[in-house]
Structure formats: C-alpha cells, structure tokens
N, C-alpha and C. Protein backbone atom coordinates (compact mmCIF):
# COMPACT_ATOMS: atom_id res chain seq x y z
N MET A 1 123.88 84.60 116.53
CA MET A 1 123.34 83.70 115.51
C MET A 1 123.51 84.34 114.13
N LYS A 2 124.04 83.57 113.19
CA LYS A 2 124.32 84.09 111.86
C LYS A 2 123.04 84.41 111.10
N ARG A 3 123.05 85.57 110.42
CA ARG A 3 121.95 85.96 109.54
C ARG A 3 122.55 86.37 108.21
N GLU A 4 121.85 86.08 107.12
CA GLU A 4 122.33 86.44 105.79
C GLU A 4 121.20 87.02 104.96
N ILE A 5 121.58 87.89 104.02
CA ILE A 5 120.60 88.50 103.12
C ILE A 5 120.44 87.63 101.88
N ILE A 6 119.20 87.31 101.52
CA ILE A 6 118.94 86.54 100.31
C ILE A 6 117.92 87.27 99.45
N ILE A 7 117.86 86.90 98.18
CA ILE A 7 116.88 87.47 97.24
C ILE A 7 115.72 86.51 97.10
N THR A 8 114.50 87.03 97.28
CA THR A 8 113.30 86.20 97.11
C THR A 8 112.85 86.23 95.65
N GLN A 9 111.83 85.44 95.34
CA GLN A 9 111.48 85.22 93.93
C GLN A 9 110.91 86.45 93.23
N ASP A 10 110.44 87.45 93.98
CA ASP A 10 109.96 88.66 93.30
C ASP A 10 111.06 89.72 93.19
N GLY A 11 112.30 89.33 93.55
CA GLY A 11 113.43 90.24 93.42
C GLY A 11 113.76 91.02 94.69
N SER A 12 112.88 90.98 95.67
CA SER A 12 113.11 91.72 96.92
C SER A 12 113.89 90.86 97.92
N THR A 13 114.59 91.53 98.80
CA THR A 13 115.45 90.86 99.76
C THR A 13 114.69 90.42 101.01
N THR A 14 115.28 89.48 101.72
CA THR A 14 114.85 89.15 103.07
C THR A 14 116.07 88.67 103.84
N ILE A 15 115.88 88.42 105.12
CA ILE A 15 116.96 87.91 105.97
C ILE A 15 116.69 86.45 106.27
N ARG A 16 117.72 85.65 106.16
CA ARG A 16 117.64 84.22 106.43
C ARG A 16 118.50 83.87 107.64
N ILE A 17 117.98 82.99 108.48
CA ILE A 17 118.74 82.45 109.61
C ILE A 17 119.01 80.98 109.31
N PRO A 18 120.21 80.67 108.80
CA PRO A 18 120.52 79.29 108.37
C PRO A 18 120.34 78.26 109.49
N GLU A 19 120.74 78.62 110.69
CA GLU A 19 120.67 77.67 111.81
C GLU A 19 119.24 77.22 112.08
N TRP A 20 118.30 78.11 111.84
CA TRP A 20 116.88 77.80 112.07
C TRP A 20 116.17 77.36 110.80
N ASP A 21 116.84 77.52 109.64
CA ASP A 21 116.19 77.30 108.35
C ASP A 21 114.92 78.12 108.25
N GLU A 22 115.05 79.41 108.63
CA GLU A 22 113.90 80.32 108.71
C GLU A 22 114.24 81.64 108.05
N ASN A 23 113.21 82.27 107.46
CA ASN A 23 113.38 83.56 106.79
C ASN A 23 112.43 84.59 107.38
N TYR A 24 112.82 85.86 107.29
CA TYR A 24 111.95 86.92 107.79
C TYR A 24 110.70 87.11 106.94
N HIS A 25 110.81 86.77 105.65
CA HIS A 25 109.67 86.90 104.73
C HIS A 25 109.61 85.66 103.85
N SER A 26 108.54 85.54 103.09
CA SER A 26 108.39 84.41 102.19
C SER A 26 109.46 84.44 101.09
N THR A 27 110.05 83.29 100.83
CA THR A 27 111.03 83.21 99.73
C THR A 27 110.35 83.30 98.38
N HIS A 28 109.02 83.18 98.34
CA HIS A 28 108.27 83.35 97.09
C HIS A 28 108.16 84.83 96.72
N GLY A 29 108.50 85.71 97.65
CA GLY A 29 108.44 87.14 97.37
C GLY A 29 108.12 87.93 98.63
N ALA A 30 109.10 88.64 99.15
CA ALA A 30 108.90 89.40 100.39
C ALA A 30 107.88 90.52 100.20
N ILE A 31 108.04 91.29 99.13
CA ILE A 31 107.12 92.40 98.89
C ILE A 31 105.73 91.88 98.54
N GLN A 32 105.67 90.84 97.70
CA GLN A 32 104.37 90.24 97.34
C GLN A 32 103.60 89.83 98.58
N GLU A 33 104.30 89.15 99.50
CA GLU A 33 103.66 88.67 100.72
C GLU A 33 103.15 89.82 101.58
N ALA A 34 104.00 90.84 101.78
CA ALA A 34 103.61 91.98 102.61
C ALA A 34 102.37 92.67 102.05
N LYS A 35 102.36 92.89 100.75
CA LYS A 35 101.22 93.58 100.14
C LYS A 35 99.94 92.75 100.22
N HIS A 36 100.06 91.45 100.03
CA HIS A 36 98.88 90.59 100.04
C HIS A 36 98.31 90.43 101.44
N VAL A 37 99.17 90.08 102.39
CA VAL A 37 98.69 89.77 103.74
C VAL A 37 98.30 91.02 104.50
N PHE A 38 99.22 91.98 104.56
CA PHE A 38 99.03 93.10 105.48
C PHE A 38 98.32 94.31 104.86
N ILE A 39 98.50 94.52 103.57
CA ILE A 39 97.83 95.66 102.92
C ILE A 39 96.46 95.24 102.37
N LYS A 40 96.46 94.32 101.43
CA LYS A 40 95.20 93.92 100.79
C LYS A 40 94.18 93.39 101.79
N ASN A 41 94.63 92.52 102.70
CA ASN A 41 93.70 91.86 103.62
C ASN A 41 93.67 92.47 105.02
N GLY A 42 94.39 93.58 105.20
CA GLY A 42 94.39 94.25 106.49
C GLY A 42 94.12 95.74 106.35
N LEU A 43 95.12 96.49 105.95
CA LEU A 43 95.03 97.94 105.86
C LEU A 43 93.87 98.41 104.99
N ASN A 44 93.66 97.74 103.86
CA ASN A 44 92.63 98.19 102.93
C ASN A 44 91.21 98.09 103.49
N LEU A 45 91.02 97.34 104.55
CA LEU A 45 89.70 97.26 105.18
C LEU A 45 89.33 98.55 105.89
N PHE A 46 90.33 99.42 106.09
CA PHE A 46 90.09 100.66 106.83
C PHE A 46 90.09 101.87 105.90
N HIS A 47 89.65 101.66 104.66
CA HIS A 47 89.64 102.73 103.67
C HIS A 47 88.74 103.89 104.09
N HIS A 48 87.79 103.60 104.98
CA HIS A 48 86.82 104.61 105.41
C HIS A 48 87.33 105.46 106.57
N LYS A 49 88.46 105.10 107.15
CA LYS A 49 88.96 105.81 108.33
C LYS A 49 90.08 106.77 107.96
N ASP A 50 90.10 107.93 108.57
CA ASP A 50 91.14 108.93 108.31
C ASP A 50 92.38 108.68 109.15
N SER A 51 92.21 108.03 110.31
CA SER A 51 93.32 107.76 111.22
C SER A 51 93.29 106.30 111.64
N ILE A 52 94.46 105.66 111.60
CA ILE A 52 94.55 104.24 111.95
C ILE A 52 95.74 104.02 112.88
N SER A 53 95.52 103.23 113.92
CA SER A 53 96.60 102.81 114.81
C SER A 53 96.95 101.36 114.49
N ILE A 54 98.23 101.10 114.23
CA ILE A 54 98.68 99.77 113.81
C ILE A 54 99.76 99.27 114.76
N LEU A 55 99.63 98.01 115.16
CA LEU A 55 100.66 97.33 115.94
C LEU A 55 101.27 96.24 115.08
N GLU A 56 102.59 96.28 114.91
CA GLU A 56 103.25 95.21 114.18
C GLU A 56 104.01 94.32 115.14
N ILE A 57 103.72 93.04 115.07
CA ILE A 57 104.40 92.04 115.90
C ILE A 57 105.53 91.46 115.06
N GLY A 58 106.74 91.99 115.27
CA GLY A 58 107.91 91.60 114.50
C GLY A 58 108.29 92.67 113.50
N PHE A 59 108.83 93.80 113.99
CA PHE A 59 109.17 94.93 113.11
C PHE A 59 110.21 94.54 112.07
N GLY A 60 111.20 93.76 112.48
CA GLY A 60 112.15 93.14 111.56
C GLY A 60 112.84 94.09 110.60
N THR A 61 112.63 93.87 109.31
CA THR A 61 113.30 94.63 108.26
C THR A 61 112.67 95.99 108.00
N GLY A 62 111.51 96.25 108.61
CA GLY A 62 110.82 97.51 108.36
C GLY A 62 110.00 97.52 107.08
N LEU A 63 109.95 96.38 106.38
CA LEU A 63 109.23 96.33 105.10
C LEU A 63 107.76 96.66 105.25
N ASN A 64 107.10 96.05 106.23
CA ASN A 64 105.66 96.29 106.39
C ASN A 64 105.37 97.74 106.75
N ALA A 65 106.21 98.32 107.59
CA ALA A 65 106.02 99.73 107.96
C ALA A 65 106.23 100.63 106.74
N PHE A 66 107.25 100.34 105.94
CA PHE A 66 107.55 101.17 104.77
C PHE A 66 106.42 101.10 103.73
N ILE A 67 105.94 99.89 103.47
CA ILE A 67 104.85 99.76 102.50
C ILE A 67 103.59 100.45 103.03
N THR A 68 103.35 100.36 104.32
CA THR A 68 102.19 101.05 104.91
C THR A 68 102.31 102.56 104.70
N PHE A 69 103.51 103.10 104.90
CA PHE A 69 103.72 104.53 104.64
C PHE A 69 103.43 104.86 103.19
N LEU A 70 103.97 104.07 102.27
CA LEU A 70 103.79 104.34 100.84
C LEU A 70 102.31 104.27 100.44
N GLU A 71 101.58 103.36 101.04
CA GLU A 71 100.16 103.17 100.69
C GLU A 71 99.27 104.27 101.27
N THR A 72 99.73 104.96 102.32
CA THR A 72 98.84 105.89 103.02
C THR A 72 99.29 107.34 102.98
N GLN A 73 100.44 107.64 102.38
CA GLN A 73 100.94 109.01 102.40
C GLN A 73 99.91 109.97 101.79
N ASP A 74 99.71 111.07 102.49
CA ASP A 74 98.75 112.11 102.07
C ASP A 74 97.30 111.63 102.05
N LYS A 75 97.04 110.44 102.59
CA LYS A 75 95.67 109.90 102.59
C LYS A 75 95.14 109.68 104.00
N LYS A 76 95.99 109.13 104.87
CA LYS A 76 95.55 108.79 106.22
C LYS A 76 96.62 109.15 107.23
N ASN A 77 96.19 109.36 108.47
CA ASN A 77 97.13 109.52 109.57
C ASN A 77 97.38 108.16 110.20
N ILE A 78 98.64 107.78 110.29
CA ILE A 78 99.02 106.47 110.80
C ILE A 78 99.83 106.61 112.09
N ASN A 79 99.37 105.92 113.12
CA ASN A 79 100.14 105.76 114.35
C ASN A 79 100.63 104.32 114.36
N TYR A 80 101.92 104.13 114.15
CA TYR A 80 102.48 102.79 113.93
C TYR A 80 103.38 102.42 115.11
N VAL A 81 103.11 101.27 115.69
CA VAL A 81 103.94 100.75 116.78
C VAL A 81 104.53 99.42 116.34
N GLY A 82 105.85 99.32 116.34
CA GLY A 82 106.53 98.10 115.94
C GLY A 82 107.25 97.46 117.12
N VAL A 83 106.94 96.21 117.40
CA VAL A 83 107.57 95.49 118.51
C VAL A 83 108.62 94.54 117.94
N GLU A 84 109.81 94.60 118.48
CA GLU A 84 110.92 93.78 117.99
C GLU A 84 111.90 93.52 119.14
N ALA A 85 112.12 92.27 119.46
CA ALA A 85 113.04 91.93 120.55
C ALA A 85 114.50 91.95 120.09
N TYR A 86 114.73 91.68 118.80
CA TYR A 86 116.10 91.58 118.30
C TYR A 86 116.24 92.40 117.01
N PRO A 87 116.47 93.71 117.12
CA PRO A 87 116.58 94.57 115.94
C PRO A 87 117.72 94.14 115.02
N ILE A 88 117.51 94.36 113.73
CA ILE A 88 118.57 94.03 112.77
C ILE A 88 119.64 95.11 112.80
N SER A 89 120.81 94.79 112.22
CA SER A 89 121.97 95.69 112.29
C SER A 89 121.95 96.72 111.17
N LYS A 90 122.77 97.76 111.32
CA LYS A 90 122.91 98.78 110.28
C LYS A 90 123.43 98.16 108.99
N GLU A 91 124.36 97.20 109.13
CA GLU A 91 124.92 96.54 107.95
C GLU A 91 123.84 95.79 107.17
N GLU A 92 122.95 95.15 107.89
CA GLU A 92 121.86 94.42 107.23
C GLU A 92 120.89 95.38 106.56
N ILE A 93 120.59 96.48 107.23
CA ILE A 93 119.67 97.47 106.66
C ILE A 93 120.18 97.98 105.31
N LEU A 94 121.48 98.21 105.22
CA LEU A 94 122.07 98.74 103.99
C LEU A 94 121.97 97.75 102.82
N GLN A 95 121.79 96.48 103.12
CA GLN A 95 121.71 95.47 102.06
C GLN A 95 120.29 95.19 101.58
N LEU A 96 119.31 95.79 102.24
CA LEU A 96 117.92 95.58 101.85
C LEU A 96 117.57 96.45 100.65
N ASN A 97 116.86 95.90 99.68
CA ASN A 97 116.61 96.63 98.42
C ASN A 97 115.18 97.10 98.25
N TYR A 98 114.46 97.29 99.35
CA TYR A 98 113.04 97.61 99.26
C TYR A 98 112.77 98.95 98.59
N VAL A 99 113.63 99.93 98.81
CA VAL A 99 113.42 101.25 98.21
C VAL A 99 113.42 101.15 96.69
N SER A 100 114.40 100.46 96.14
CA SER A 100 114.47 100.34 94.68
C SER A 100 113.38 99.42 94.13
N GLU A 101 113.12 98.30 94.81
CA GLU A 101 112.12 97.35 94.31
C GLU A 101 110.71 97.91 94.37
N LEU A 102 110.47 98.85 95.27
CA LEU A 102 109.16 99.49 95.37
C LEU A 102 109.08 100.79 94.58
N ASN A 103 110.15 101.08 93.81
CA ASN A 103 110.21 102.32 93.03
C ASN A 103 109.95 103.54 93.91
N ALA A 104 110.61 103.54 95.07
CA ALA A 104 110.34 104.57 96.07
C ALA A 104 111.59 105.38 96.40
N LEU A 105 112.39 105.67 95.39
CA LEU A 105 113.64 106.40 95.62
C LEU A 105 113.39 107.78 96.25
N LEU A 106 112.25 108.38 95.95
CA LEU A 106 111.93 109.68 96.54
C LEU A 106 111.73 109.58 98.06
N HIS A 107 111.51 108.36 98.53
CA HIS A 107 111.24 108.17 99.95
C HIS A 107 112.33 107.33 100.63
N GLU A 108 113.50 107.33 100.03
CA GLU A 108 114.61 106.55 100.62
C GLU A 108 114.91 107.03 102.04
N LYS A 109 114.84 108.33 102.27
CA LYS A 109 115.11 108.87 103.60
C LYS A 109 114.10 108.36 104.62
N ILE A 110 112.86 108.19 104.20
CA ILE A 110 111.83 107.67 105.10
C ILE A 110 112.21 106.26 105.56
N PHE A 111 112.62 105.42 104.62
CA PHE A 111 113.01 104.05 104.99
C PHE A 111 114.18 104.07 105.96
N GLN A 112 115.15 104.92 105.71
CA GLN A 112 116.30 105.02 106.60
C GLN A 112 115.87 105.51 107.99
N THR A 113 114.93 106.46 108.01
CA THR A 113 114.48 107.01 109.29
C THR A 113 113.69 105.98 110.09
N LEU A 114 112.97 105.11 109.42
CA LEU A 114 112.25 104.05 110.12
C LEU A 114 113.20 103.24 110.99
N HIS A 115 114.42 103.04 110.48
CA HIS A 115 115.40 102.24 111.21
C HIS A 115 116.27 103.06 112.15
N SER A 116 116.57 104.29 111.78
CA SER A 116 117.49 105.10 112.59
C SER A 116 116.80 105.82 113.75
N SER A 117 115.48 105.91 113.73
CA SER A 117 114.77 106.61 114.79
C SER A 117 114.95 105.90 116.13
N SER A 118 114.86 106.67 117.19
CA SER A 118 115.08 106.14 118.53
C SER A 118 114.03 105.11 118.92
N TRP A 119 114.44 104.22 119.80
CA TRP A 119 113.52 103.23 120.34
C TRP A 119 112.83 103.78 121.59
N GLU A 120 111.68 103.22 121.86
CA GLU A 120 110.93 103.48 123.11
C GLU A 120 110.29 104.86 123.18
N GLU A 121 110.24 105.59 122.08
CA GLU A 121 109.56 106.88 122.10
C GLU A 121 108.97 107.17 120.74
N MET A 122 107.85 107.86 120.73
CA MET A 122 107.19 108.17 119.47
C MET A 122 108.01 109.14 118.64
N GLN A 123 108.17 108.82 117.36
CA GLN A 123 108.91 109.68 116.43
C GLN A 123 107.98 110.06 115.27
N THR A 124 108.09 111.29 114.81
CA THR A 124 107.34 111.72 113.63
C THR A 124 108.20 111.43 112.40
N ILE A 125 107.77 110.46 111.63
CA ILE A 125 108.51 110.04 110.44
C ILE A 125 108.15 110.89 109.23
N ALA A 126 106.89 111.25 109.15
CA ALA A 126 106.37 112.14 108.10
C ALA A 126 105.16 112.86 108.69
N GLU A 127 104.63 113.81 107.95
CA GLU A 127 103.53 114.62 108.47
C GLU A 127 102.36 113.78 108.96
N ASN A 128 102.12 112.66 108.27
CA ASN A 128 100.95 111.84 108.61
C ASN A 128 101.33 110.49 109.21
N PHE A 129 102.59 110.32 109.64
CA PHE A 129 103.04 108.99 110.06
C PHE A 129 103.94 109.09 111.28
N THR A 130 103.46 108.55 112.41
CA THR A 130 104.30 108.47 113.61
C THR A 130 104.69 107.02 113.85
N LEU A 131 105.87 106.83 114.41
CA LEU A 131 106.39 105.49 114.67
C LEU A 131 106.92 105.41 116.09
N THR A 132 106.52 104.35 116.78
CA THR A 132 107.10 104.01 118.08
C THR A 132 107.65 102.59 117.98
N LYS A 133 108.96 102.45 118.12
CA LYS A 133 109.58 101.12 118.10
C LYS A 133 109.84 100.69 119.55
N ARG A 134 109.42 99.48 119.86
CA ARG A 134 109.59 98.98 121.22
C ARG A 134 110.41 97.69 121.20
N LYS A 135 111.53 97.69 121.94
CA LYS A 135 112.30 96.46 122.15
C LYS A 135 111.58 95.69 123.25
N GLN A 136 110.88 94.64 122.85
CA GLN A 136 109.97 94.00 123.78
C GLN A 136 109.69 92.57 123.34
N PHE A 137 109.60 91.67 124.28
CA PHE A 137 109.14 90.32 123.98
C PHE A 137 107.62 90.35 123.86
N PHE A 138 107.09 89.53 122.97
CA PHE A 138 105.66 89.58 122.69
C PHE A 138 104.82 89.29 123.93
N GLN A 139 105.32 88.41 124.79
CA GLN A 139 104.55 88.05 125.98
C GLN A 139 104.46 89.21 126.98
N ASP A 140 105.26 90.26 126.77
CA ASP A 140 105.25 91.41 127.68
C ASP A 140 104.34 92.54 127.21
N ILE A 141 103.69 92.36 126.08
CA ILE A 141 102.77 93.37 125.56
C ILE A 141 101.54 93.45 126.46
N ASP A 142 101.17 94.66 126.87
CA ASP A 142 100.02 94.80 127.76
C ASP A 142 99.11 95.96 127.37
N ASP A 143 99.10 96.30 126.07
CA ASP A 143 98.22 97.38 125.59
C ASP A 143 96.76 96.94 125.69
N GLU A 144 95.88 97.91 125.90
CA GLU A 144 94.45 97.62 125.95
C GLU A 144 93.67 98.62 125.11
N ASN A 145 92.89 98.08 124.16
CA ASN A 145 91.99 98.90 123.32
C ASN A 145 92.71 100.06 122.63
N GLN A 146 93.89 99.78 122.08
CA GLN A 146 94.71 100.83 121.49
C GLN A 146 94.77 100.80 119.96
N PHE A 147 94.56 99.65 119.34
CA PHE A 147 94.87 99.51 117.93
C PHE A 147 93.68 99.08 117.08
N ASP A 148 93.66 99.61 115.86
CA ASP A 148 92.66 99.20 114.87
C ASP A 148 93.08 97.93 114.15
N LEU A 149 94.39 97.75 114.01
CA LEU A 149 94.92 96.71 113.13
C LEU A 149 96.23 96.16 113.70
N ILE A 150 96.37 94.85 113.67
CA ILE A 150 97.63 94.21 114.07
C ILE A 150 98.18 93.43 112.89
N TYR A 151 99.44 93.71 112.55
CA TYR A 151 100.19 92.88 111.61
C TYR A 151 100.93 91.84 112.45
N PHE A 152 100.50 90.59 112.41
CA PHE A 152 101.15 89.55 113.21
C PHE A 152 102.15 88.82 112.32
N ASP A 153 103.42 89.18 112.47
CA ASP A 153 104.46 88.72 111.55
C ASP A 153 105.61 88.06 112.31
N ALA A 154 105.25 87.21 113.26
CA ALA A 154 106.25 86.49 114.06
C ALA A 154 106.88 85.37 113.24
N PHE A 155 108.00 84.82 113.74
CA PHE A 155 108.60 83.65 113.11
C PHE A 155 107.60 82.49 113.14
N GLY A 156 107.82 81.52 112.26
CA GLY A 156 106.85 80.47 112.02
C GLY A 156 106.51 79.60 113.22
N PHE A 157 105.31 79.04 113.18
CA PHE A 157 104.79 78.18 114.25
C PHE A 157 105.71 77.00 114.51
N GLN A 158 106.26 76.43 113.43
CA GLN A 158 107.09 75.24 113.59
C GLN A 158 108.37 75.55 114.36
N LEU A 159 108.77 76.79 114.35
CA LEU A 159 110.00 77.21 115.02
C LEU A 159 109.73 77.71 116.43
N GLN A 160 108.71 78.55 116.58
CA GLN A 160 108.40 79.15 117.88
C GLN A 160 106.89 79.07 118.15
N PRO A 161 106.38 77.88 118.43
CA PRO A 161 104.93 77.71 118.65
C PRO A 161 104.40 78.55 119.81
N GLU A 162 105.28 78.88 120.77
CA GLU A 162 104.82 79.67 121.92
C GLU A 162 104.39 81.07 121.53
N LEU A 163 104.86 81.56 120.38
CA LEU A 163 104.45 82.89 119.92
C LEU A 163 103.06 82.87 119.28
N TRP A 164 102.53 81.68 119.07
CA TRP A 164 101.22 81.53 118.42
C TRP A 164 100.22 80.88 119.37
N SER A 165 100.39 81.12 120.63
CA SER A 165 99.58 80.47 121.66
C SER A 165 98.33 81.29 121.99
N GLU A 166 97.42 80.65 122.71
CA GLU A 166 96.21 81.35 123.15
C GLU A 166 96.56 82.56 124.02
N SER A 167 97.55 82.42 124.87
CA SER A 167 97.93 83.53 125.77
C SER A 167 98.43 84.74 124.99
N ILE A 168 99.17 84.49 123.91
CA ILE A 168 99.65 85.60 123.08
C ILE A 168 98.48 86.24 122.34
N PHE A 169 97.59 85.43 121.80
CA PHE A 169 96.47 86.00 121.06
C PHE A 169 95.47 86.69 121.99
N LYS A 170 95.41 86.29 123.24
CA LYS A 170 94.59 87.03 124.20
C LYS A 170 95.16 88.43 124.39
N LYS A 171 96.48 88.57 124.41
CA LYS A 171 97.11 89.89 124.50
C LYS A 171 96.80 90.71 123.25
N MET A 172 96.78 90.06 122.09
CA MET A 172 96.44 90.75 120.85
C MET A 172 94.98 91.21 120.88
N TYR A 173 94.11 90.32 121.36
CA TYR A 173 92.69 90.66 121.48
C TYR A 173 92.49 91.88 122.37
N ASP A 174 93.17 91.87 123.51
CA ASP A 174 93.05 92.99 124.45
C ASP A 174 93.60 94.28 123.86
N ALA A 175 94.64 94.18 123.05
CA ALA A 175 95.28 95.36 122.48
C ALA A 175 94.43 96.04 121.41
N LEU A 176 93.53 95.28 120.79
CA LEU A 176 92.70 95.81 119.72
C LEU A 176 91.48 96.55 120.26
N LYS A 177 91.05 97.55 119.49
CA LYS A 177 89.77 98.19 119.74
C LYS A 177 88.65 97.24 119.28
N THR A 178 87.43 97.50 119.70
CA THR A 178 86.29 96.73 119.20
C THR A 178 86.22 96.83 117.68
N ASN A 179 86.00 95.71 117.03
CA ASN A 179 85.99 95.58 115.56
C ASN A 179 87.39 95.67 114.95
N GLY A 180 88.43 95.65 115.80
CA GLY A 180 89.79 95.64 115.29
C GLY A 180 90.11 94.33 114.59
N ILE A 181 91.14 94.39 113.74
CA ILE A 181 91.50 93.25 112.88
C ILE A 181 92.95 92.84 113.13
N LEU A 182 93.19 91.53 113.13
CA LEU A 182 94.55 90.97 113.13
C LEU A 182 94.71 90.15 111.87
N VAL A 183 95.81 90.36 111.16
CA VAL A 183 96.10 89.56 109.97
C VAL A 183 97.48 88.92 110.10
N THR A 184 97.60 87.72 109.57
CA THR A 184 98.88 87.02 109.59
C THR A 184 99.00 86.13 108.36
N TYR A 185 100.24 85.87 107.99
CA TYR A 185 100.51 85.02 106.82
C TYR A 185 100.22 83.55 107.09
N ALA A 186 100.13 83.17 108.36
CA ALA A 186 100.05 81.77 108.75
C ALA A 186 98.62 81.24 108.70
N CYS A 187 98.51 79.91 108.57
CA CYS A 187 97.20 79.27 108.62
C CYS A 187 97.39 77.81 109.03
N ARG A 188 97.31 77.57 110.33
CA ARG A 188 97.36 76.21 110.88
C ARG A 188 96.21 76.04 111.86
N THR A 189 95.73 74.82 111.99
CA THR A 189 94.62 74.57 112.90
C THR A 189 94.92 74.99 114.33
N PRO A 190 96.12 74.69 114.89
CA PRO A 190 96.39 75.13 116.26
C PRO A 190 96.38 76.65 116.41
N ILE A 191 96.80 77.36 115.36
CA ILE A 191 96.79 78.83 115.40
C ILE A 191 95.35 79.34 115.38
N LYS A 192 94.56 78.79 114.47
CA LYS A 192 93.16 79.20 114.39
C LYS A 192 92.44 78.93 115.71
N ASN A 193 92.69 77.77 116.30
CA ASN A 193 92.03 77.42 117.56
C ASN A 193 92.47 78.36 118.69
N ALA A 194 93.76 78.73 118.70
CA ALA A 194 94.25 79.66 119.71
C ALA A 194 93.56 81.01 119.59
N MET A 195 93.37 81.47 118.34
CA MET A 195 92.67 82.73 118.10
C MET A 195 91.22 82.64 118.58
N LEU A 196 90.55 81.55 118.24
CA LEU A 196 89.15 81.37 118.64
C LEU A 196 89.02 81.35 120.16
N ASN A 197 89.92 80.63 120.81
CA ASN A 197 89.88 80.54 122.27
C ASN A 197 90.17 81.87 122.95
N ALA A 198 90.90 82.74 122.24
CA ALA A 198 91.19 84.08 122.77
C ALA A 198 90.01 85.03 122.60
N GLY A 199 89.01 84.61 121.82
CA GLY A 199 87.81 85.43 121.66
C GLY A 199 87.57 85.96 120.27
N PHE A 200 88.48 85.70 119.34
CA PHE A 200 88.37 86.23 117.99
C PHE A 200 87.34 85.48 117.15
N LYS A 201 86.80 86.19 116.16
CA LYS A 201 86.11 85.57 115.04
C LYS A 201 87.15 85.42 113.94
N VAL A 202 87.31 84.22 113.40
CA VAL A 202 88.45 83.93 112.52
C VAL A 202 87.96 83.45 111.15
N GLU A 203 88.65 83.90 110.11
CA GLU A 203 88.35 83.43 108.76
C GLU A 203 89.64 83.08 108.02
N LYS A 204 89.54 82.06 107.18
CA LYS A 204 90.64 81.70 106.28
C LYS A 204 90.48 82.47 104.98
N LEU A 205 91.61 82.94 104.46
CA LEU A 205 91.63 83.65 103.19
C LEU A 205 92.70 83.05 102.29
N PRO A 206 92.61 83.26 100.97
CA PRO A 206 93.68 82.80 100.10
C PRO A 206 95.01 83.42 100.52
N GLY A 207 96.06 82.62 100.52
CA GLY A 207 97.36 83.08 100.97
C GLY A 207 98.11 83.86 99.90
N ALA A 208 99.25 84.40 100.31
CA ALA A 208 100.15 85.09 99.38
C ALA A 208 100.71 84.08 98.38
N PRO A 209 101.28 84.54 97.26
CA PRO A 209 101.85 83.61 96.28
C PRO A 209 102.77 82.59 96.96
N GLY A 210 102.54 81.32 96.65
CA GLY A 210 103.33 80.25 97.22
C GLY A 210 102.74 79.65 98.49
N LYS A 211 101.68 80.29 99.01
CA LYS A 211 101.04 79.78 100.23
C LYS A 211 99.54 79.67 99.99
N ARG A 212 98.97 78.56 100.46
CA ARG A 212 97.57 78.27 100.13
C ARG A 212 96.60 79.19 100.86
N GLU A 213 96.83 79.40 102.18
CA GLU A 213 95.87 80.15 102.97
C GLU A 213 96.57 81.05 104.00
N MET A 214 95.81 81.99 104.52
CA MET A 214 96.26 82.86 105.60
C MET A 214 95.05 83.06 106.53
N LEU A 215 95.29 83.72 107.67
CA LEU A 215 94.21 83.93 108.63
C LEU A 215 93.99 85.41 108.89
N ARG A 216 92.71 85.76 109.07
CA ARG A 216 92.32 87.08 109.52
C ARG A 216 91.36 86.92 110.70
N ALA A 217 91.62 87.67 111.77
CA ALA A 217 90.82 87.56 112.99
C ALA A 217 90.25 88.91 113.35
N LYS A 218 89.00 88.91 113.85
CA LYS A 218 88.32 90.15 114.19
C LYS A 218 87.86 90.13 115.64
N LYS A 219 88.04 91.24 116.32
CA LYS A 219 87.55 91.40 117.69
C LYS A 219 86.11 91.90 117.62
C-alpha cells in the first residue's frame, strides 16, 4: 500500500496513506497533536513519579516516543513499549523532520536509535530510557498490570472501528496498573462507551488544534 510523506500545518511531517485517505498524525500539526494529547494530558499527570512505564499503541513514526524522551531526559526513568504491526521503512524515516522541528539536533542519534534498535527485546536508548518494540497486532496484547500510561494512537475509528472496540479496551484496562491512564486523540460516543464498558472512568477534554475534543480514561 502506497504511503507518502506530507507536511502538516505546524511544519512537521507525517505519513499519509492515499488509498485510505488517512494520516499517521493530525494534518493540523503532528507535533502539536502529540504534545497536547500525549504529553500535556497524559505524561504530565505523572510529574510526581520518578519511573513511568508507557505502552504506545501504534509506534508508527516514533514521534511520541521521541517527544517523551525529550520531555523526560535527566528527570524520569522511562520504560517504553511500542506496539506496531507494520513498521515504517528506512526511506520514510529519513524524510521525517522531527529532529529539526523540535530543535533537537543534539539528540538526532536518539531518534535514529529509536528506529534502528532491534524488535522484540528491550534496548537501552539512553541512561534513563529503555525501549521495547513489538511487532504485534493490538488484539494479541496480553499484558497485565504493567503500565502507568497508554498512548492510544491507532488509525481512526472510521477506518478501523475494530481497533476501538470494547474487547481492545478491555486489553488496555488489563495492561494498566491501578490508577493508570489511557489517552487518545479521538472522541466519539462509540469509543467512549467501549471504554466505559471495559471498566474505565472516562472524561472528555479539549482536543488538539483542529479537533474539538479528546478522551482520557482511568483505571
């Protein structure tokens, strides 16, 4: 399936799948969206913790992992697990401009290592940051009480509603520790109901630029 690199409105890149009319990040701004949804309304809730375990559903371009590293370096210990069934190519990685757009040239090697590190085993990316990338379909996740925070960044509900089902969110619920948090850019009634039926307490929050609302769920 053809994929192409496009520039979003904040100047940062994302990947577009023309056949699906779908993008990996918001066209209103990939970096803006990542910071608003996953950092401001997710990671920042754990300011009191020295160590955080994070599960990302849809590792994709590595943007969320890279921003998490930049936000926590020398501050917190991060155990990051990224699940991705269809990893992007080396050619696509080279076209992503996140290092320059985030003014993170000193950490360009970190971004490269996020992508070049081996799959299926824990890798030490930096002194305070470990990464485990898993080639896995979301329905095959079977972690229990492992994570403080989940970045739920799957393709949109209109494209793959099965990824936003009660059964998937039950797996997310099981994977979280007590008081764990799941955040996602999406906000639809069927998604909220699936989260509630899985056992979560759910709240609507203001969305990233260009989107009215997003969801945050707590175990």
